[in-house]
Amino acid sequence: MTSNKVELIGFYGDDTTHAQSAWTSTSREMNEDKIERIPALLQMLARNGHHTPFEKSSLHFLVTCDQASHIHLLKHRIGVSINGESARYKELKEDKMYLPEDWGYNEPHDQFWYNLLKKHTEQSNRLYHDCIANLTPLIGRKRAKESARFFKLMNSQITLDVMFNFRSFAHFCKLRNAPDAQLEIREIAESMLNEVMHIPGNPFKETIAAFNLINS
């Protein structure tokens, strides 16, 4: 079993980037007075829906997740770029699977459905590889690979390359790091936000506060 994983692999911009973008219409030059005004400016922009300046930064993640969470991510189309492992172009050799962590870890007799899903996934993975091997001589490896994917389950994991601008990231966090979001995507959103908050120097501290992402 592989847990869903999030890694921040790069970023561009910071609170000052957002503020300077907003000040472009007057003067982008910075001084001590303007630096002190950045928190209040970002609060005003976020509160009043003036979100274009927050598009001038980017957050770049590597995410390993189940297919259901992949679909959640794909629904965020504006200001988000997603590339992922393609079972059409290669055979997925690792057979990464996600098993719900709240399905009875405490008592052995509570693990029936957890163990059943594990066995079912393992069987599906075997069928996936067998299908590719047996169909390749009949229909060619390309078609065998792309059609054998039908044996893969929703808990099959792939690795994704995901990039947000901060405006889109804030929107993602508001929707997915919320109590009513599905557990798996909520944990991914929470991990992403945690990664951003722990960038050395906390460059997006005031932007995170402006969008109230910690308490969203």
N, C-alpha and C. Protein backbone atom coordinates (compact mmCIF):
# COMPACT_ATOMS: atom_id res chain seq x y z
N MET A 1 0.84 -1.20 0.00
CA MET A 1 0.00 0.00 0.00
C MET A 1 0.87 1.24 0.00
N THR A 2 0.48 2.24 -0.77
CA THR A 2 1.18 3.51 -0.80
C THR A 2 0.21 4.62 -0.42
N SER A 3 0.58 5.42 0.56
CA SER A 3 -0.25 6.57 0.92
C SER A 3 -0.17 7.61 -0.18
N ASN A 4 -1.18 8.46 -0.27
CA ASN A 4 -1.09 9.60 -1.17
C ASN A 4 0.01 10.53 -0.67
N LYS A 5 0.78 11.09 -1.59
CA LYS A 5 1.94 11.91 -1.22
C LYS A 5 1.94 13.23 -1.97
N VAL A 6 2.44 14.26 -1.31
CA VAL A 6 2.55 15.60 -1.90
C VAL A 6 3.95 16.12 -1.65
N GLU A 7 4.57 16.68 -2.68
CA GLU A 7 5.88 17.31 -2.54
C GLU A 7 5.89 18.62 -3.32
N LEU A 8 6.24 19.71 -2.66
CA LEU A 8 6.43 20.98 -3.34
C LEU A 8 7.81 20.97 -3.98
N ILE A 9 7.87 21.01 -5.31
CA ILE A 9 9.16 20.90 -5.99
C ILE A 9 9.65 22.24 -6.53
N GLY A 10 8.84 23.28 -6.40
CA GLY A 10 9.28 24.59 -6.86
C GLY A 10 8.21 25.64 -6.67
N PHE A 11 8.62 26.91 -6.65
CA PHE A 11 7.65 27.99 -6.57
C PHE A 11 8.27 29.25 -7.15
N TYR A 12 7.40 30.17 -7.52
CA TYR A 12 7.84 31.49 -7.97
C TYR A 12 6.97 32.53 -7.27
N GLY A 13 7.58 33.64 -6.85
CA GLY A 13 6.83 34.75 -6.30
C GLY A 13 6.72 34.70 -4.79
N ASP A 14 6.01 35.70 -4.26
CA ASP A 14 5.81 35.82 -2.81
C ASP A 14 4.78 36.92 -2.57
N ASP A 15 4.61 37.29 -1.31
CA ASP A 15 3.66 38.36 -0.98
C ASP A 15 3.99 39.65 -1.72
N THR A 16 5.27 39.96 -1.82
CA THR A 16 5.68 41.20 -2.49
C THR A 16 5.35 41.16 -3.98
N THR A 17 5.49 40.00 -4.60
CA THR A 17 5.13 39.85 -6.01
C THR A 17 3.67 40.23 -6.23
N HIS A 18 2.80 39.76 -5.34
CA HIS A 18 1.37 40.06 -5.46
C HIS A 18 1.11 41.55 -5.25
N ALA A 19 1.78 42.12 -4.26
CA ALA A 19 1.59 43.55 -3.99
C ALA A 19 2.09 44.42 -5.14
N GLN A 20 3.26 44.09 -5.65
CA GLN A 20 3.81 44.88 -6.76
C GLN A 20 2.93 44.78 -8.00
N SER A 21 2.35 43.62 -8.22
CA SER A 21 1.43 43.49 -9.36
C SER A 21 0.25 44.43 -9.20
N ALA A 22 -0.29 44.50 -7.98
CA ALA A 22 -1.43 45.40 -7.73
C ALA A 22 -1.03 46.86 -7.87
N TRP A 23 0.21 47.19 -7.54
CA TRP A 23 0.68 48.57 -7.60
C TRP A 23 1.20 48.98 -8.98
N THR A 24 1.13 48.08 -9.94
CA THR A 24 1.65 48.39 -11.27
C THR A 24 0.99 49.62 -11.87
N SER A 25 -0.30 49.81 -11.57
CA SER A 25 -1.03 50.94 -12.17
C SER A 25 -0.56 52.29 -11.61
N THR A 26 0.15 52.26 -10.48
CA THR A 26 0.68 53.51 -9.91
C THR A 26 2.21 53.49 -9.94
N SER A 27 2.82 52.74 -9.04
CA SER A 27 4.28 52.61 -9.01
C SER A 27 4.67 51.31 -8.33
N ARG A 28 5.52 50.55 -8.99
CA ARG A 28 5.98 49.29 -8.44
C ARG A 28 7.18 49.46 -7.50
N GLU A 29 7.72 50.66 -7.45
CA GLU A 29 8.89 50.89 -6.61
C GLU A 29 8.54 50.65 -5.14
N MET A 30 9.46 49.95 -4.43
CA MET A 30 9.22 49.61 -3.04
C MET A 30 10.02 50.49 -2.11
N ASN A 31 9.42 50.80 -0.95
CA ASN A 31 10.11 51.49 0.13
C ASN A 31 9.57 50.92 1.44
N GLU A 32 10.11 51.39 2.55
CA GLU A 32 9.72 50.81 3.84
C GLU A 32 8.23 51.00 4.11
N ASP A 33 7.70 52.15 3.75
CA ASP A 33 6.28 52.42 3.97
C ASP A 33 5.40 51.44 3.20
N LYS A 34 5.75 51.18 1.94
CA LYS A 34 4.93 50.28 1.12
C LYS A 34 5.07 48.84 1.60
N ILE A 35 6.28 48.46 2.03
CA ILE A 35 6.47 47.11 2.56
C ILE A 35 5.56 46.89 3.77
N GLU A 36 5.44 47.88 4.63
CA GLU A 36 4.58 47.77 5.81
C GLU A 36 3.10 47.69 5.43
N ARG A 37 2.76 48.23 4.27
CA ARG A 37 1.35 48.23 3.84
C ARG A 37 0.94 46.95 3.12
N ILE A 38 1.89 46.05 2.84
CA ILE A 38 1.58 44.85 2.07
C ILE A 38 0.48 43.99 2.71
N PRO A 39 0.54 43.68 4.02
CA PRO A 39 -0.53 42.85 4.59
C PRO A 39 -1.92 43.44 4.40
N ALA A 40 -2.07 44.72 4.66
CA ALA A 40 -3.38 45.35 4.52
C ALA A 40 -3.83 45.37 3.07
N LEU A 41 -2.89 45.61 2.15
CA LEU A 41 -3.23 45.61 0.72
C LEU A 41 -3.74 44.25 0.29
N LEU A 42 -3.02 43.19 0.67
CA LEU A 42 -3.43 41.84 0.26
C LEU A 42 -4.78 41.46 0.86
N GLN A 43 -5.01 41.89 2.12
CA GLN A 43 -6.32 41.64 2.74
C GLN A 43 -7.43 42.31 1.94
N MET A 44 -7.20 43.57 1.55
CA MET A 44 -8.19 44.31 0.78
C MET A 44 -8.46 43.66 -0.56
N LEU A 45 -7.40 43.25 -1.26
CA LEU A 45 -7.55 42.62 -2.57
C LEU A 45 -8.35 41.33 -2.47
N ALA A 46 -8.00 40.47 -1.52
CA ALA A 46 -8.68 39.19 -1.37
C ALA A 46 -10.14 39.39 -0.96
N ARG A 47 -10.37 40.32 -0.04
CA ARG A 47 -11.72 40.55 0.49
C ARG A 47 -12.66 41.09 -0.57
N ASN A 48 -12.14 41.91 -1.48
CA ASN A 48 -12.99 42.56 -2.48
C ASN A 48 -12.97 41.88 -3.85
N GLY A 49 -12.35 40.72 -3.91
CA GLY A 49 -12.39 39.96 -5.16
C GLY A 49 -11.45 40.47 -6.23
N HIS A 50 -10.46 41.29 -5.86
CA HIS A 50 -9.46 41.77 -6.83
C HIS A 50 -8.32 40.75 -6.86
N HIS A 51 -8.53 39.62 -7.53
CA HIS A 51 -7.64 38.47 -7.39
C HIS A 51 -6.58 38.35 -8.48
N THR A 52 -6.63 39.20 -9.51
CA THR A 52 -5.66 39.08 -10.60
C THR A 52 -4.21 39.15 -10.14
N PRO A 53 -3.84 40.01 -9.19
CA PRO A 53 -2.43 40.05 -8.76
C PRO A 53 -1.93 38.73 -8.20
N PHE A 54 -2.83 37.91 -7.68
CA PHE A 54 -2.42 36.63 -7.10
C PHE A 54 -2.13 35.57 -8.17
N GLU A 55 -2.39 35.91 -9.41
CA GLU A 55 -2.04 35.01 -10.51
C GLU A 55 -0.57 35.11 -10.90
N LYS A 56 0.16 36.05 -10.32
CA LYS A 56 1.54 36.30 -10.74
C LYS A 56 2.56 35.42 -10.04
N SER A 57 2.11 34.50 -9.21
CA SER A 57 3.01 33.55 -8.56
C SER A 57 2.61 32.14 -8.98
N SER A 58 3.46 31.17 -8.68
CA SER A 58 3.15 29.78 -9.03
C SER A 58 3.67 28.83 -7.97
N LEU A 59 2.96 27.72 -7.82
CA LEU A 59 3.31 26.66 -6.88
C LEU A 59 3.33 25.35 -7.64
N HIS A 60 4.43 24.62 -7.56
CA HIS A 60 4.66 23.44 -8.39
C HIS A 60 4.81 22.21 -7.49
N PHE A 61 3.89 21.26 -7.65
CA PHE A 61 3.85 20.08 -6.79
C PHE A 61 4.03 18.79 -7.60
N LEU A 62 4.56 17.78 -6.93
CA LEU A 62 4.53 16.41 -7.42
C LEU A 62 3.60 15.64 -6.49
N VAL A 63 2.56 15.02 -7.06
CA VAL A 63 1.52 14.38 -6.26
C VAL A 63 1.35 12.93 -6.70
N THR A 64 1.38 12.02 -5.76
CA THR A 64 1.03 10.62 -6.04
C THR A 64 -0.30 10.36 -5.36
N CYS A 65 -1.32 10.04 -6.15
CA CYS A 65 -2.66 9.91 -5.58
C CYS A 65 -3.51 8.91 -6.34
N ASP A 66 -4.61 8.55 -5.72
CA ASP A 66 -5.59 7.65 -6.33
C ASP A 66 -6.31 8.34 -7.46
N GLN A 67 -6.94 7.53 -8.32
CA GLN A 67 -7.61 8.08 -9.51
C GLN A 67 -8.79 8.98 -9.15
N ALA A 68 -9.47 8.68 -8.04
CA ALA A 68 -10.60 9.53 -7.64
C ALA A 68 -10.11 10.94 -7.30
N SER A 69 -8.98 11.03 -6.61
CA SER A 69 -8.41 12.34 -6.29
C SER A 69 -7.88 13.02 -7.55
N HIS A 70 -7.34 12.23 -8.47
CA HIS A 70 -6.90 12.76 -9.77
C HIS A 70 -8.06 13.48 -10.45
N ILE A 71 -9.23 12.88 -10.43
CA ILE A 71 -10.41 13.50 -11.05
C ILE A 71 -10.78 14.79 -10.34
N HIS A 72 -10.71 14.81 -9.01
CA HIS A 72 -10.97 16.05 -8.25
C HIS A 72 -10.02 17.16 -8.70
N LEU A 73 -8.75 16.82 -8.86
CA LEU A 73 -7.77 17.82 -9.29
C LEU A 73 -8.06 18.33 -10.68
N LEU A 74 -8.44 17.42 -11.58
CA LEU A 74 -8.69 17.81 -12.97
C LEU A 74 -9.88 18.76 -13.11
N LYS A 75 -10.76 18.79 -12.13
CA LYS A 75 -11.90 19.68 -12.20
C LYS A 75 -11.50 21.14 -11.97
N HIS A 76 -10.26 21.37 -11.49
CA HIS A 76 -9.76 22.73 -11.31
C HIS A 76 -8.97 23.10 -12.57
N ARG A 77 -9.65 23.72 -13.53
CA ARG A 77 -9.08 23.88 -14.87
C ARG A 77 -8.47 25.25 -15.12
N ILE A 78 -8.86 26.25 -14.32
CA ILE A 78 -8.41 27.61 -14.58
C ILE A 78 -7.16 27.90 -13.75
N GLY A 79 -6.06 28.23 -14.43
CA GLY A 79 -4.84 28.55 -13.72
C GLY A 79 -4.16 27.35 -13.10
N VAL A 80 -4.49 26.17 -13.60
CA VAL A 80 -3.90 24.93 -13.09
C VAL A 80 -3.38 24.12 -14.26
N SER A 81 -2.17 23.60 -14.14
CA SER A 81 -1.57 22.75 -15.18
C SER A 81 -1.27 21.39 -14.57
N ILE A 82 -1.77 20.33 -15.22
CA ILE A 82 -1.60 18.97 -14.68
C ILE A 82 -1.13 18.04 -15.78
N ASN A 83 -0.02 17.38 -15.53
CA ASN A 83 0.45 16.27 -16.35
C ASN A 83 0.62 15.05 -15.46
N GLY A 84 0.39 13.87 -16.00
CA GLY A 84 0.51 12.68 -15.16
C GLY A 84 1.01 11.47 -15.91
N GLU A 85 1.35 10.45 -15.15
CA GLU A 85 1.74 9.18 -15.75
C GLU A 85 0.63 8.71 -16.69
N SER A 86 1.02 8.20 -17.83
CA SER A 86 0.04 7.76 -18.81
C SER A 86 0.17 6.26 -19.03
N ALA A 87 -0.87 5.53 -18.65
CA ALA A 87 -0.89 4.09 -18.89
C ALA A 87 -1.11 3.79 -20.37
N ARG A 88 -1.39 4.81 -21.17
CA ARG A 88 -1.51 4.59 -22.60
C ARG A 88 -0.14 4.43 -23.23
N TYR A 89 0.84 5.16 -22.69
CA TYR A 89 2.16 5.16 -23.30
C TYR A 89 3.14 4.20 -22.62
N LYS A 90 2.82 3.76 -21.41
CA LYS A 90 3.71 2.80 -20.75
C LYS A 90 2.87 1.87 -19.89
N GLU A 91 3.41 0.70 -19.61
CA GLU A 91 2.77 -0.23 -18.69
C GLU A 91 3.12 0.22 -17.27
N LEU A 92 2.10 0.34 -16.43
CA LEU A 92 2.34 0.77 -15.05
C LEU A 92 2.89 -0.40 -14.24
N LYS A 93 4.18 -0.40 -14.04
CA LYS A 93 4.86 -1.55 -13.43
C LYS A 93 4.73 -1.58 -11.91
N GLU A 94 4.64 -0.41 -11.28
CA GLU A 94 4.70 -0.37 -9.81
C GLU A 94 3.43 -0.84 -9.13
N ASP A 95 2.31 -0.75 -9.80
CA ASP A 95 1.02 -1.15 -9.21
C ASP A 95 0.77 -0.47 -7.87
N LYS A 96 0.95 0.85 -7.85
CA LYS A 96 0.69 1.60 -6.62
C LYS A 96 -0.80 1.59 -6.34
N MET A 97 -1.15 1.35 -5.09
CA MET A 97 -2.56 1.34 -4.71
C MET A 97 -2.77 2.17 -3.46
N TYR A 98 -3.95 2.77 -3.36
CA TYR A 98 -4.34 3.49 -2.15
C TYR A 98 -5.43 2.69 -1.46
N LEU A 99 -5.26 2.47 -0.15
CA LEU A 99 -6.28 1.82 0.66
C LEU A 99 -6.72 2.78 1.76
N PRO A 100 -8.02 3.02 1.90
CA PRO A 100 -8.51 4.01 2.87
C PRO A 100 -7.99 3.73 4.28
N GLU A 101 -7.38 4.72 4.88
CA GLU A 101 -6.76 4.53 6.18
C GLU A 101 -7.75 4.49 7.32
N ASP A 102 -9.01 4.79 7.05
CA ASP A 102 -10.01 4.74 8.12
C ASP A 102 -10.88 3.48 8.04
N TRP A 103 -10.44 2.50 7.26
CA TRP A 103 -11.20 1.25 7.11
C TRP A 103 -10.73 0.18 8.10
N GLY A 104 -10.80 0.44 9.39
CA GLY A 104 -10.58 -0.59 10.38
C GLY A 104 -9.15 -0.97 10.64
N TYR A 105 -8.35 0.00 11.04
CA TYR A 105 -6.98 -0.30 11.44
C TYR A 105 -6.90 -0.76 12.89
N ASN A 106 -7.89 -0.46 13.69
CA ASN A 106 -7.79 -0.65 15.13
C ASN A 106 -7.97 -2.10 15.58
N GLU A 107 -8.95 -2.76 15.05
CA GLU A 107 -9.23 -4.13 15.46
C GLU A 107 -9.19 -5.06 14.25
N PRO A 108 -8.57 -6.25 14.38
CA PRO A 108 -8.49 -7.18 13.24
C PRO A 108 -9.85 -7.53 12.65
N HIS A 109 -10.88 -7.68 13.51
CA HIS A 109 -12.19 -8.06 12.98
C HIS A 109 -12.86 -6.92 12.23
N ASP A 110 -12.31 -5.71 12.33
CA ASP A 110 -12.87 -4.57 11.60
C ASP A 110 -12.24 -4.39 10.23
N GLN A 111 -11.28 -5.25 9.89
CA GLN A 111 -10.50 -5.03 8.67
C GLN A 111 -11.03 -5.82 7.47
N PHE A 112 -12.23 -6.34 7.56
CA PHE A 112 -12.77 -7.18 6.48
C PHE A 112 -12.77 -6.44 5.14
N TRP A 113 -13.36 -5.24 5.10
CA TRP A 113 -13.48 -4.53 3.83
C TRP A 113 -12.13 -3.99 3.36
N TYR A 114 -11.27 -3.61 4.29
CA TYR A 114 -9.93 -3.18 3.95
C TYR A 114 -9.17 -4.31 3.25
N ASN A 115 -9.21 -5.50 3.85
CA ASN A 115 -8.50 -6.65 3.27
C ASN A 115 -9.13 -7.10 1.95
N LEU A 116 -10.46 -6.98 1.86
CA LEU A 116 -11.14 -7.37 0.63
C LEU A 116 -10.74 -6.44 -0.52
N LEU A 117 -10.69 -5.14 -0.25
CA LEU A 117 -10.28 -4.19 -1.29
C LEU A 117 -8.83 -4.43 -1.69
N LYS A 118 -7.98 -4.74 -0.74
CA LYS A 118 -6.57 -5.02 -1.03
C LYS A 118 -6.45 -6.22 -1.98
N LYS A 119 -7.17 -7.30 -1.67
CA LYS A 119 -7.12 -8.51 -2.51
C LYS A 119 -7.72 -8.23 -3.89
N HIS A 120 -8.82 -7.49 -3.90
CA HIS A 120 -9.48 -7.16 -5.16
C HIS A 120 -8.54 -6.33 -6.04
N THR A 121 -7.82 -5.38 -5.45
CA THR A 121 -6.89 -4.54 -6.19
C THR A 121 -5.73 -5.37 -6.72
N GLU A 122 -5.20 -6.25 -5.89
CA GLU A 122 -4.09 -7.10 -6.33
C GLU A 122 -4.50 -7.98 -7.50
N GLN A 123 -5.72 -8.52 -7.45
CA GLN A 123 -6.23 -9.33 -8.55
C GLN A 123 -6.40 -8.49 -9.82
N SER A 124 -6.91 -7.29 -9.67
CA SER A 124 -7.08 -6.40 -10.83
C SER A 124 -5.73 -6.06 -11.45
N ASN A 125 -4.73 -5.83 -10.62
CA ASN A 125 -3.40 -5.53 -11.14
C ASN A 125 -2.82 -6.71 -11.91
N ARG A 126 -3.03 -7.93 -11.41
CA ARG A 126 -2.56 -9.12 -12.14
C ARG A 126 -3.27 -9.23 -13.49
N LEU A 127 -4.56 -9.00 -13.50
CA LEU A 127 -5.32 -9.07 -14.75
C LEU A 127 -4.84 -8.00 -15.73
N TYR A 128 -4.51 -6.84 -15.22
CA TYR A 128 -4.01 -5.75 -16.06
C TYR A 128 -2.75 -6.18 -16.81
N HIS A 129 -1.79 -6.74 -16.09
CA HIS A 129 -0.54 -7.17 -16.72
C HIS A 129 -0.74 -8.37 -17.64
N ASP A 130 -1.57 -9.31 -17.21
CA ASP A 130 -1.85 -10.49 -18.04
C ASP A 130 -2.54 -10.09 -19.34
N CYS A 131 -3.45 -9.14 -19.22
CA CYS A 131 -4.19 -8.67 -20.40
C CYS A 131 -3.23 -8.07 -21.42
N ILE A 132 -2.29 -7.23 -20.96
CA ILE A 132 -1.32 -6.63 -21.86
C ILE A 132 -0.49 -7.72 -22.56
N ALA A 133 -0.01 -8.67 -21.76
CA ALA A 133 0.84 -9.73 -22.32
C ALA A 133 0.10 -10.57 -23.34
N ASN A 134 -1.15 -10.92 -23.07
CA ASN A 134 -1.89 -11.82 -23.94
C ASN A 134 -2.51 -11.13 -25.15
N LEU A 135 -2.84 -9.86 -25.01
CA LEU A 135 -3.46 -9.15 -26.13
C LEU A 135 -2.45 -8.53 -27.09
N THR A 136 -1.23 -8.33 -26.62
CA THR A 136 -0.21 -7.70 -27.47
C THR A 136 -0.03 -8.42 -28.81
N PRO A 137 0.08 -9.77 -28.85
CA PRO A 137 0.24 -10.43 -30.15
C PRO A 137 -0.99 -10.29 -31.06
N LEU A 138 -2.14 -10.04 -30.45
CA LEU A 138 -3.39 -9.97 -31.23
C LEU A 138 -3.69 -8.58 -31.76
N ILE A 139 -3.50 -7.56 -30.92
CA ILE A 139 -3.91 -6.21 -31.32
C ILE A 139 -2.76 -5.20 -31.24
N GLY A 140 -1.57 -5.65 -30.88
CA GLY A 140 -0.42 -4.75 -30.77
C GLY A 140 -0.30 -4.19 -29.37
N ARG A 141 0.94 -3.88 -28.99
CA ARG A 141 1.19 -3.46 -27.61
C ARG A 141 0.53 -2.12 -27.28
N LYS A 142 0.49 -1.18 -28.23
CA LYS A 142 -0.11 0.12 -27.96
C LYS A 142 -1.57 -0.02 -27.55
N ARG A 143 -2.35 -0.74 -28.35
CA ARG A 143 -3.77 -0.90 -28.04
C ARG A 143 -3.96 -1.78 -26.80
N ALA A 144 -3.10 -2.76 -26.62
CA ALA A 144 -3.20 -3.62 -25.43
C ALA A 144 -3.00 -2.79 -24.17
N LYS A 145 -2.01 -1.92 -24.17
CA LYS A 145 -1.75 -1.09 -23.00
C LYS A 145 -2.92 -0.15 -22.70
N GLU A 146 -3.40 0.53 -23.73
CA GLU A 146 -4.43 1.53 -23.46
C GLU A 146 -5.76 0.89 -23.07
N SER A 147 -6.06 -0.30 -23.56
CA SER A 147 -7.34 -0.93 -23.22
C SER A 147 -7.27 -1.77 -21.95
N ALA A 148 -6.08 -2.27 -21.59
CA ALA A 148 -5.94 -3.03 -20.34
C ALA A 148 -6.17 -2.15 -19.12
N ARG A 149 -6.12 -0.83 -19.31
CA ARG A 149 -6.37 0.08 -18.19
C ARG A 149 -7.74 -0.13 -17.57
N PHE A 150 -8.67 -0.72 -18.30
CA PHE A 150 -10.00 -0.93 -17.75
C PHE A 150 -9.99 -1.86 -16.54
N PHE A 151 -8.92 -2.61 -16.36
CA PHE A 151 -8.80 -3.46 -15.17
C PHE A 151 -8.33 -2.68 -13.95
N LYS A 152 -7.78 -1.50 -14.16
CA LYS A 152 -7.32 -0.70 -13.03
C LYS A 152 -8.51 -0.09 -12.28
N LEU A 153 -8.42 -0.08 -10.95
CA LEU A 153 -9.50 0.41 -10.12
C LEU A 153 -9.31 1.90 -9.78
N MET A 154 -10.32 2.50 -9.16
CA MET A 154 -10.26 3.90 -8.79
C MET A 154 -9.19 4.17 -7.73
N ASN A 155 -8.77 3.13 -7.00
CA ASN A 155 -7.73 3.34 -5.98
C ASN A 155 -6.33 3.12 -6.53
N SER A 156 -6.24 2.87 -7.85
CA SER A 156 -4.93 2.80 -8.49
C SER A 156 -4.28 4.18 -8.46
N GLN A 157 -3.02 4.25 -8.09
CA GLN A 157 -2.34 5.53 -7.95
C GLN A 157 -1.44 5.83 -9.15
N ILE A 158 -1.39 7.11 -9.50
CA ILE A 158 -0.42 7.59 -10.48
C ILE A 158 0.25 8.84 -9.92
N THR A 159 1.37 9.22 -10.52
CA THR A 159 2.08 10.42 -10.09
C THR A 159 1.77 11.57 -11.04
N LEU A 160 1.43 12.71 -10.47
CA LEU A 160 1.01 13.89 -11.23
C LEU A 160 1.97 15.05 -11.00
N ASP A 161 2.15 15.84 -12.04
CA ASP A 161 2.89 17.10 -11.99
C ASP A 161 1.84 18.21 -12.02
N VAL A 162 1.70 18.93 -10.91
CA VAL A 162 0.61 19.89 -10.75
C VAL A 162 1.16 21.28 -10.44
N MET A 163 0.72 22.27 -11.21
CA MET A 163 1.14 23.65 -10.95
C MET A 163 -0.08 24.56 -10.87
N PHE A 164 -0.13 25.37 -9.81
CA PHE A 164 -1.18 26.37 -9.62
C PHE A 164 -0.58 27.77 -9.66
N ASN A 165 -1.34 28.77 -10.13
CA ASN A 165 -1.04 30.12 -9.68
C ASN A 165 -1.74 30.28 -8.33
N PHE A 166 -1.34 31.30 -7.55
CA PHE A 166 -1.86 31.34 -6.18
C PHE A 166 -3.37 31.60 -6.13
N ARG A 167 -3.88 32.32 -7.08
CA ARG A 167 -5.34 32.54 -7.11
C ARG A 167 -6.07 31.20 -7.22
N SER A 168 -5.60 30.34 -8.11
CA SER A 168 -6.23 29.04 -8.29
C SER A 168 -5.97 28.13 -7.09
N PHE A 169 -4.79 28.26 -6.50
CA PHE A 169 -4.47 27.46 -5.31
C PHE A 169 -5.41 27.82 -4.16
N ALA A 170 -5.68 29.10 -3.98
CA ALA A 170 -6.60 29.52 -2.93
C ALA A 170 -8.00 28.96 -3.17
N HIS A 171 -8.44 29.00 -4.41
CA HIS A 171 -9.75 28.44 -4.77
C HIS A 171 -9.78 26.93 -4.48
N PHE A 172 -8.71 26.23 -4.85
CA PHE A 172 -8.59 24.80 -4.59
C PHE A 172 -8.68 24.51 -3.09
N CYS A 173 -7.93 25.25 -2.30
CA CYS A 173 -7.93 25.03 -0.86
C CYS A 173 -9.30 25.30 -0.24
N LYS A 174 -9.97 26.35 -0.71
CA LYS A 174 -11.29 26.67 -0.16
C LYS A 174 -12.28 25.53 -0.40
N LEU A 175 -12.19 24.89 -1.57
CA LEU A 175 -13.13 23.82 -1.90
C LEU A 175 -12.71 22.47 -1.32
N ARG A 176 -11.41 22.17 -1.39
CA ARG A 176 -10.96 20.81 -1.08
C ARG A 176 -10.41 20.64 0.32
N ASN A 177 -9.96 21.72 0.95
CA ASN A 177 -9.51 21.63 2.34
C ASN A 177 -10.65 22.11 3.24
N ALA A 178 -11.79 21.47 3.06
CA ALA A 178 -13.00 21.85 3.77
C ALA A 178 -13.64 20.60 4.39
N PRO A 179 -14.40 20.75 5.47
CA PRO A 179 -14.94 19.59 6.17
C PRO A 179 -15.81 18.68 5.31
N ASP A 180 -16.50 19.25 4.29
CA ASP A 180 -17.40 18.43 3.49
C ASP A 180 -16.72 17.84 2.25
N ALA A 181 -15.42 18.08 2.08
CA ALA A 181 -14.70 17.50 0.94
C ALA A 181 -14.39 16.03 1.22
N GLN A 182 -14.22 15.25 0.15
CA GLN A 182 -13.85 13.84 0.34
C GLN A 182 -12.51 13.76 1.07
N LEU A 183 -12.39 12.79 1.97
CA LEU A 183 -11.22 12.68 2.85
C LEU A 183 -9.91 12.72 2.08
N GLU A 184 -9.81 11.94 1.00
CA GLU A 184 -8.53 11.83 0.28
C GLU A 184 -8.09 13.15 -0.33
N ILE A 185 -9.01 13.86 -0.99
CA ILE A 185 -8.62 15.12 -1.62
C ILE A 185 -8.41 16.20 -0.54
N ARG A 186 -9.14 16.09 0.56
CA ARG A 186 -8.93 17.02 1.66
C ARG A 186 -7.52 16.88 2.25
N GLU A 187 -7.07 15.64 2.39
CA GLU A 187 -5.72 15.41 2.91
C GLU A 187 -4.65 15.92 1.95
N ILE A 188 -4.90 15.78 0.64
CA ILE A 188 -3.96 16.31 -0.36
C ILE A 188 -3.90 17.83 -0.28
N ALA A 189 -5.06 18.48 -0.20
CA ALA A 189 -5.10 19.95 -0.10
C ALA A 189 -4.42 20.43 1.17
N GLU A 190 -4.65 19.73 2.26
CA GLU A 190 -4.03 20.09 3.54
C GLU A 190 -2.51 19.94 3.46
N SER A 191 -2.06 18.87 2.81
CA SER A 191 -0.62 18.65 2.66
C SER A 191 0.01 19.72 1.77
N MET A 192 -0.69 20.09 0.69
CA MET A 192 -0.18 21.14 -0.18
C MET A 192 -0.02 22.46 0.58
N LEU A 193 -1.05 22.83 1.33
CA LEU A 193 -0.98 24.07 2.09
C LEU A 193 0.14 24.01 3.12
N ASN A 194 0.28 22.88 3.77
CA ASN A 194 1.35 22.72 4.76
C ASN A 194 2.73 22.88 4.12
N GLU A 195 2.90 22.32 2.91
CA GLU A 195 4.17 22.47 2.19
C GLU A 195 4.46 23.94 1.90
N VAL A 196 3.45 24.68 1.48
CA VAL A 196 3.63 26.10 1.15
C VAL A 196 3.95 26.89 2.42
N MET A 197 3.28 26.57 3.52
CA MET A 197 3.50 27.29 4.77
C MET A 197 4.90 27.04 5.35
N HIS A 198 5.53 25.95 4.93
CA HIS A 198 6.84 25.61 5.47
C HIS A 198 7.98 25.90 4.49
N ILE A 199 7.70 26.69 3.45
CA ILE A 199 8.79 27.19 2.62
C ILE A 199 9.67 28.07 3.51
N PRO A 200 10.99 27.91 3.49
CA PRO A 200 11.85 28.76 4.31
C PRO A 200 11.57 30.24 4.11
N GLY A 201 11.38 30.94 5.21
CA GLY A 201 11.08 32.36 5.14
C GLY A 201 9.60 32.67 5.03
N ASN A 202 8.76 31.64 4.82
CA ASN A 202 7.31 31.80 4.73
C ASN A 202 6.92 32.93 3.78
N PRO A 203 7.33 32.85 2.50
CA PRO A 203 7.13 33.97 1.56
C PRO A 203 5.68 34.29 1.24
N PHE A 204 4.76 33.35 1.49
CA PHE A 204 3.35 33.59 1.18
C PHE A 204 2.51 33.77 2.45
N LYS A 205 3.13 34.11 3.54
CA LYS A 205 2.44 34.22 4.83
C LYS A 205 1.25 35.16 4.77
N GLU A 206 1.45 36.35 4.25
CA GLU A 206 0.38 37.36 4.23
C GLU A 206 -0.71 37.01 3.22
N THR A 207 -0.34 36.35 2.12
CA THR A 207 -1.34 35.94 1.13
C THR A 207 -2.22 34.84 1.70
N ILE A 208 -1.62 33.90 2.41
CA ILE A 208 -2.38 32.83 3.07
C ILE A 208 -3.35 33.43 4.06
N ALA A 209 -2.89 34.40 4.82
CA ALA A 209 -3.77 35.05 5.80
C ALA A 209 -4.88 35.84 5.12
N ALA A 210 -4.55 36.49 4.00
CA ALA A 210 -5.54 37.31 3.30
C ALA A 210 -6.72 36.47 2.81
N PHE A 211 -6.42 35.25 2.37
CA PHE A 211 -7.48 34.34 1.90
C PHE A 211 -8.03 33.47 3.02
N ASN A 212 -7.52 33.66 4.23
CA ASN A 212 -7.98 32.88 5.39
C ASN A 212 -7.92 31.38 5.13
N LEU A 213 -6.83 30.92 4.53
CA LEU A 213 -6.73 29.52 4.12
C LEU A 213 -6.52 28.58 5.29
N ILE A 214 -5.92 29.06 6.35
CA ILE A 214 -5.65 28.17 7.49
C ILE A 214 -6.96 27.79 8.18
N ASN A 215 -7.91 28.69 8.19
CA ASN A 215 -9.18 28.42 8.90
C ASN A 215 -10.31 28.11 7.93
N SER A 216 -9.97 27.86 6.63
CA SER A 216 -11.04 27.63 5.64
C SER A 216 -11.63 26.24 5.82
